[in-house]
Structures are given as C-alpha cells and as structure tokens.
N, C-alpha and C. Protein backbone atom coordinates (compact mmCIF):
# COMPACT_ATOMS: atom_id res chain seq x y z
N MET A 1 52.53 50.51 -91.96
CA MET A 1 53.26 51.54 -91.25
C MET A 1 54.54 51.86 -92.01
N SER A 2 54.80 53.12 -92.21
CA SER A 2 55.96 53.57 -92.95
C SER A 2 57.13 53.83 -92.00
N ASN A 3 58.30 53.37 -92.40
CA ASN A 3 59.51 53.62 -91.60
C ASN A 3 60.30 54.79 -92.14
N LYS A 4 59.74 55.53 -93.09
CA LYS A 4 60.45 56.65 -93.68
C LYS A 4 60.62 57.76 -92.66
N ILE A 5 61.82 58.29 -92.61
CA ILE A 5 62.13 59.36 -91.67
C ILE A 5 62.17 60.68 -92.43
N PHE A 6 61.52 61.68 -91.90
CA PHE A 6 61.50 63.00 -92.51
C PHE A 6 62.29 63.96 -91.63
N PRO A 7 63.10 64.82 -92.24
CA PRO A 7 63.85 65.79 -91.43
C PRO A 7 62.93 66.84 -90.84
N ASN A 8 63.28 67.30 -89.67
CA ASN A 8 62.54 68.39 -89.05
C ASN A 8 63.17 69.69 -89.52
N ILE A 9 62.58 70.27 -90.57
CA ILE A 9 63.19 71.44 -91.21
C ILE A 9 63.06 72.70 -90.37
N ALA A 10 62.34 72.63 -89.27
CA ALA A 10 62.16 73.81 -88.43
C ALA A 10 63.31 74.00 -87.45
N THR A 11 64.16 73.00 -87.29
CA THR A 11 65.22 73.13 -86.29
C THR A 11 66.35 74.02 -86.80
N ASP A 12 66.98 74.68 -85.86
CA ASP A 12 68.11 75.54 -86.21
C ASP A 12 69.27 74.74 -86.77
N ARG A 13 69.46 73.53 -86.27
CA ARG A 13 70.56 72.68 -86.76
C ARG A 13 70.34 72.31 -88.22
N PHE A 14 69.11 71.99 -88.60
CA PHE A 14 68.81 71.66 -89.99
C PHE A 14 69.03 72.87 -90.88
N LYS A 15 68.58 74.02 -90.43
CA LYS A 15 68.76 75.25 -91.21
C LYS A 15 70.24 75.57 -91.39
N LYS A 16 71.05 75.38 -90.34
CA LYS A 16 72.49 75.62 -90.44
C LYS A 16 73.13 74.61 -91.39
N LEU A 17 72.71 73.35 -91.33
CA LEU A 17 73.24 72.33 -92.23
C LEU A 17 72.98 72.71 -93.68
N VAL A 18 71.77 73.12 -93.99
CA VAL A 18 71.41 73.53 -95.35
C VAL A 18 72.22 74.76 -95.76
N GLU A 19 72.40 75.69 -94.85
CA GLU A 19 73.20 76.88 -95.14
C GLU A 19 74.64 76.50 -95.49
N TYR A 20 75.24 75.63 -94.68
CA TYR A 20 76.63 75.23 -94.92
C TYR A 20 76.77 74.43 -96.22
N LEU A 21 75.83 73.55 -96.49
CA LEU A 21 75.88 72.79 -97.74
C LEU A 21 75.71 73.71 -98.94
N SER A 22 74.83 74.68 -98.82
CA SER A 22 74.62 75.64 -99.91
C SER A 22 75.88 76.46 -100.16
N ASP A 23 76.52 76.89 -99.08
CA ASP A 23 77.77 77.64 -99.21
C ASP A 23 78.84 76.78 -99.87
N LEU A 24 78.96 75.54 -99.44
CA LEU A 24 79.94 74.63 -100.03
C LEU A 24 79.70 74.46 -101.52
N GLU A 25 78.45 74.25 -101.87
CA GLU A 25 78.11 74.05 -103.28
C GLU A 25 78.36 75.31 -104.10
N ALA A 26 78.04 76.46 -103.54
CA ALA A 26 78.21 77.72 -104.28
C ALA A 26 79.68 78.04 -104.51
N THR A 27 80.52 77.73 -103.54
CA THR A 27 81.92 78.10 -103.68
C THR A 27 82.78 77.03 -104.36
N ASP A 28 82.42 75.77 -104.21
CA ASP A 28 83.31 74.70 -104.67
C ASP A 28 82.74 73.77 -105.73
N ARG A 29 81.53 73.97 -106.19
CA ARG A 29 80.94 73.01 -107.13
C ARG A 29 81.75 72.89 -108.41
N GLN A 30 82.26 73.99 -108.93
CA GLN A 30 83.02 73.93 -110.18
C GLN A 30 84.31 73.14 -110.02
N ARG A 31 84.88 73.15 -108.82
CA ARG A 31 86.13 72.44 -108.58
C ARG A 31 85.92 70.98 -108.16
N MET A 32 84.68 70.60 -107.86
CA MET A 32 84.40 69.23 -107.41
C MET A 32 84.52 68.25 -108.56
N SER A 33 84.92 67.04 -108.21
CA SER A 33 84.91 65.96 -109.19
C SER A 33 83.46 65.57 -109.44
N SER A 34 83.23 64.81 -110.48
CA SER A 34 81.86 64.37 -110.78
C SER A 34 81.32 63.50 -109.64
N SER A 35 82.18 62.70 -109.03
CA SER A 35 81.71 61.87 -107.92
C SER A 35 81.40 62.73 -106.70
N GLY A 36 82.14 63.83 -106.50
CA GLY A 36 81.83 64.75 -105.41
C GLY A 36 80.49 65.43 -105.62
N LYS A 37 80.21 65.82 -106.87
CA LYS A 37 78.92 66.43 -107.19
C LYS A 37 77.79 65.44 -106.98
N GLU A 38 77.99 64.19 -107.39
CA GLU A 38 76.98 63.16 -107.20
C GLU A 38 76.71 62.91 -105.72
N CYS A 39 77.78 62.92 -104.93
CA CYS A 39 77.63 62.72 -103.49
C CYS A 39 76.83 63.86 -102.87
N LEU A 40 77.14 65.08 -103.25
CA LEU A 40 76.40 66.23 -102.73
C LEU A 40 74.94 66.17 -103.16
N ASP A 41 74.68 65.76 -104.39
CA ASP A 41 73.30 65.60 -104.86
C ASP A 41 72.56 64.55 -104.02
N LYS A 42 73.25 63.49 -103.65
CA LYS A 42 72.64 62.45 -102.81
C LYS A 42 72.30 63.00 -101.42
N VAL A 43 73.15 63.87 -100.90
CA VAL A 43 72.87 64.49 -99.61
C VAL A 43 71.61 65.34 -99.71
N TRP A 44 71.50 66.15 -100.77
CA TRP A 44 70.29 66.97 -100.96
C TRP A 44 69.05 66.10 -101.03
N LYS A 45 69.14 64.99 -101.79
CA LYS A 45 67.99 64.09 -101.91
C LYS A 45 67.65 63.46 -100.57
N LEU A 46 68.67 63.08 -99.81
CA LEU A 46 68.46 62.50 -98.49
C LEU A 46 67.74 63.47 -97.57
N LEU A 47 68.04 64.75 -97.72
CA LEU A 47 67.40 65.79 -96.91
C LEU A 47 66.03 66.18 -97.45
N GLY A 48 65.65 65.64 -98.62
CA GLY A 48 64.35 65.95 -99.20
C GLY A 48 64.32 67.30 -99.90
N LEU A 49 65.49 67.78 -100.32
CA LEU A 49 65.59 69.08 -100.97
C LEU A 49 66.07 68.90 -102.41
N PRO A 50 65.83 69.90 -103.26
CA PRO A 50 66.25 69.77 -104.66
C PRO A 50 67.77 69.76 -104.81
N THR A 51 68.24 69.03 -105.79
CA THR A 51 69.66 69.00 -106.11
C THR A 51 70.03 70.31 -106.80
N TYR A 52 71.31 70.51 -107.03
CA TYR A 52 71.78 71.73 -107.70
C TYR A 52 71.11 71.89 -109.06
N ASP A 53 71.14 70.83 -109.87
CA ASP A 53 70.53 70.91 -111.20
C ASP A 53 69.04 71.15 -111.14
N GLU A 54 68.35 70.51 -110.19
CA GLU A 54 66.91 70.72 -110.04
C GLU A 54 66.63 72.17 -109.64
N HIS A 55 67.45 72.71 -108.77
CA HIS A 55 67.29 74.09 -108.32
C HIS A 55 67.50 75.07 -109.49
N ILE A 56 68.56 74.84 -110.26
CA ILE A 56 68.84 75.70 -111.43
C ILE A 56 67.69 75.62 -112.43
N ASN A 57 67.17 74.41 -112.67
CA ASN A 57 66.04 74.24 -113.59
C ASN A 57 64.80 74.98 -113.11
N MET A 58 64.55 74.96 -111.79
CA MET A 58 63.40 75.70 -111.24
C MET A 58 63.57 77.20 -111.46
N ILE A 59 64.78 77.70 -111.23
CA ILE A 59 65.04 79.13 -111.42
C ILE A 59 64.87 79.51 -112.89
N ASN A 60 65.41 78.70 -113.79
CA ASN A 60 65.27 78.97 -115.23
C ASN A 60 63.81 78.97 -115.65
N LYS A 61 63.05 78.02 -115.12
CA LYS A 61 61.63 77.93 -115.47
C LYS A 61 60.88 79.17 -114.97
N GLN A 62 61.21 79.62 -113.76
CA GLN A 62 60.57 80.82 -113.22
C GLN A 62 60.92 82.04 -114.07
N ASN A 63 62.17 82.13 -114.50
CA ASN A 63 62.60 83.26 -115.32
C ASN A 63 61.89 83.26 -116.69
N GLU A 64 61.71 82.07 -117.26
CA GLU A 64 61.00 81.97 -118.53
C GLU A 64 59.54 82.39 -118.39
N GLU A 65 58.93 82.03 -117.27
CA GLU A 65 57.53 82.38 -117.05
C GLU A 65 57.35 83.88 -116.85
N GLU A 66 58.36 84.53 -116.30
CA GLU A 66 58.28 85.97 -116.07
C GLU A 66 58.46 86.77 -117.36
N GLU A 67 59.11 86.18 -118.36
CA GLU A 67 59.37 86.90 -119.61
C GLU A 67 58.19 86.93 -120.51
C-alpha cells in the first residue's frame, strides 16, 4: 500500500495556489536568491508540477519542433 499523497488538481484552491505561485515566479524570480529559487522549485515538485527550468525547457523543445 502506498502512502503517497496526490494533490487534487481539480479544486479551485489548488488552481488558485498554482496561479499565485506562477505570478510570484513570473514577477520575482530574477530578484530571488538561489535558495529562494530552490525553495520554489521544491514547492513545484511537491505539487507534482514542473519547475521553472523544466517548464522553460519544455517550451524551448516545443519551439524547436515547430521550426
């Protein structure tokens, strides 16, 4: 039996949390310390979502495939 907990991504609270974290990252990532960036990456991983760098890499890969 697995004790792993998965977030319920369908809830409005989860969607709002992701929205707020995305806004925080978009506006303040350049000003964050490296430990702040690492902490935010850990939050994304905890939520089961891609980190900032993983997200950027996915976008770059999609853009390369379109060219």
